[in-house]
Amino acid sequence: MADHRKDTAWLCKQLPGLRQLAVRKGTVQTQQQLEAIVETARRGGEFKEPLVLLAQSLGVGVDDLMSWRPGFISHTDRPSVRYVCPIDLCAREWCPEPSKKTPSCEIGDTQLRAEPELE
């Protein structure tokens, strides 16, 4: 992964699942390591290598872990607002979907911020 903002967006989006996996398959130390990685990401530091090592310790394939895919972009009319990282740390974006709750920034521990679409 070369783009740090995309790396951070990936971590943010996957963090709930990684936390669950750390609880199920890891130890308290594993959970602490994951939270240290989150804190490093929150400060804008490099976290890829420790994340890969943590994933390997949990039996997660590194290729699966590191394949970041942007969300699906619909060909319908774009909404007038999009939601972005509230702490401007990553490249995560989300467009409102009917009956879907606004996702949270898992690293910043707050909801994504609404930002008007530019024409």
Protein backbone atom coordinates (compact mmCIF):
# COMPACT_ATOMS: atom_id res chain seq x y z
CA MET A 1 0.00 0.00 0.00
CA ALA A 2 1.60 3.22 -1.13
CA ASP A 3 -0.96 5.92 -0.31
CA HIS A 4 -0.94 6.62 3.44
CA ARG A 5 -4.43 8.26 3.40
CA LYS A 6 -5.88 5.19 1.65
CA ASP A 7 -4.07 2.90 4.10
CA THR A 8 -5.61 4.83 6.97
CA ALA A 9 -9.05 4.76 5.34
CA TRP A 10 -8.75 0.99 4.98
CA LEU A 11 -7.78 0.61 8.64
CA CYS A 12 -10.68 2.83 9.72
CA LYS A 13 -13.22 0.87 7.71
CA GLN A 14 -11.89 -2.54 8.80
CA LEU A 15 -11.22 -1.68 12.45
CA PRO A 16 -14.45 -3.07 13.93
CA GLY A 17 -13.79 -6.44 12.29
CA LEU A 18 -10.13 -6.41 13.29
CA ARG A 19 -11.10 -5.64 16.87
CA GLN A 20 -13.57 -8.54 16.92
CA LEU A 21 -10.95 -10.85 15.44
CA ALA A 22 -8.38 -9.75 18.02
CA VAL A 23 -10.85 -10.59 20.81
CA ARG A 24 -11.82 -13.97 19.33
CA LYS A 25 -8.44 -15.22 18.14
CA GLY A 26 -5.95 -13.08 20.01
CA THR A 27 -4.93 -12.24 23.53
CA VAL A 28 -5.13 -9.11 25.63
CA GLN A 29 -1.67 -8.30 24.29
CA THR A 30 -2.97 -8.67 20.71
CA GLN A 31 -5.78 -6.24 21.48
CA GLN A 32 -3.29 -3.79 23.00
CA GLN A 33 -1.07 -4.07 19.92
CA LEU A 34 -4.05 -3.30 17.67
CA GLU A 35 -4.94 -0.24 19.74
CA ALA A 36 -1.28 0.89 19.57
CA ILE A 37 -1.52 0.62 15.77
CA VAL A 38 -4.71 2.71 15.86
CA GLU A 39 -2.96 5.34 18.00
CA THR A 40 -0.05 5.42 15.53
CA ALA A 41 -2.51 5.91 12.67
CA ARG A 42 -4.29 8.64 14.65
CA ARG A 43 -0.98 10.51 14.95
CA GLY A 44 -0.28 10.06 11.22
CA GLY A 45 2.53 7.58 11.77
CA GLU A 46 3.46 4.50 9.76
CA PHE A 47 1.52 1.41 10.85
CA LYS A 48 1.64 -0.98 7.87
CA GLU A 49 4.39 -3.31 9.11
CA PRO A 50 2.99 -3.79 12.64
CA LEU A 51 -0.49 -4.31 11.16
CA VAL A 52 0.82 -7.00 8.81
CA LEU A 53 2.59 -8.77 11.69
CA LEU A 54 -0.53 -8.57 13.85
CA ALA A 55 -2.69 -9.94 11.04
CA GLN A 56 -0.30 -12.84 10.50
CA SER A 57 -0.44 -13.67 14.21
CA LEU A 58 -4.25 -13.87 13.88
CA GLY A 59 -4.04 -16.13 10.82
CA VAL A 60 -5.22 -13.46 8.37
CA GLY A 61 -3.70 -13.62 4.89
CA VAL A 62 -1.64 -10.51 4.29
CA ASP A 63 -2.77 -10.28 0.65
CA ASP A 64 -6.38 -10.26 1.84
CA LEU A 65 -5.55 -7.76 4.55
CA MET A 66 -3.78 -5.31 2.30
CA SER A 67 -6.16 -5.32 -0.68
CA TRP A 68 -7.91 -2.00 -0.20
CA ARG A 69 -10.85 -1.44 -2.49
CA PRO A 70 -12.75 1.83 -2.69
CA GLY A 71 -16.47 1.60 -2.13
CA PHE A 72 -18.88 0.94 -4.98
CA ILE A 73 -19.77 4.06 -6.93
CA SER A 74 -23.27 4.04 -8.32
CA HIS A 75 -24.09 5.46 -11.73
CA THR A 76 -27.23 7.12 -10.38
CA ASP A 77 -27.47 10.78 -9.49
CA ARG A 78 -24.85 11.75 -6.97
CA PRO A 79 -26.15 12.95 -3.62
CA SER A 80 -25.66 16.59 -2.73
CA VAL A 81 -23.53 15.60 0.25
CA ARG A 82 -20.82 13.07 0.96
CA TYR A 83 -19.30 12.08 4.25
CA VAL A 84 -15.55 12.23 4.85
CA CYS A 85 -13.02 11.66 7.59
CA PRO A 86 -13.95 14.06 10.42
CA ILE A 87 -10.32 14.50 11.47
CA ASP A 88 -8.97 14.76 7.89
CA LEU A 89 -6.64 11.84 8.51
CA CYS A 90 -7.65 9.56 5.68
CA ALA A 91 -9.28 9.30 2.26
CA ARG A 92 -12.42 7.53 3.45
CA GLU A 93 -15.66 8.71 1.82
CA TRP A 94 -19.24 7.54 2.10
CA CYS A 95 -22.33 8.61 0.18
CA PRO A 96 -25.66 8.46 1.99
CA GLU A 97 -27.73 5.35 1.37
CA PRO A 98 -31.40 4.96 2.27
CA SER A 99 -31.90 3.35 5.68
CA LYS A 100 -28.14 3.18 6.34
CA LYS A 101 -26.65 4.77 9.42
CA THR A 102 -23.75 7.17 8.84
CA PRO A 103 -20.56 5.20 9.49
CA SER A 104 -18.11 6.21 12.15
CA CYS A 105 -14.47 7.10 11.92
CA GLU A 106 -13.16 4.22 13.96
CA ILE A 107 -9.76 5.83 14.44
CA GLY A 108 -11.15 9.19 15.56
CA ASP A 109 -14.11 7.58 17.36
CA THR A 110 -16.71 9.93 15.83
CA GLN A 111 -19.15 9.91 12.90
CA LEU A 112 -17.95 10.79 9.43
CA ARG A 113 -18.39 14.49 8.64
CA ALA A 114 -20.90 15.72 6.04
CA GLU A 115 -19.34 17.73 3.26
CA PRO A 116 -21.30 19.29 0.37
CA GLU A 117 -20.49 17.87 -3.08
CA LEU A 118 -18.76 20.31 -5.40
CA GLU A 119 -20.35 20.77 -8.78
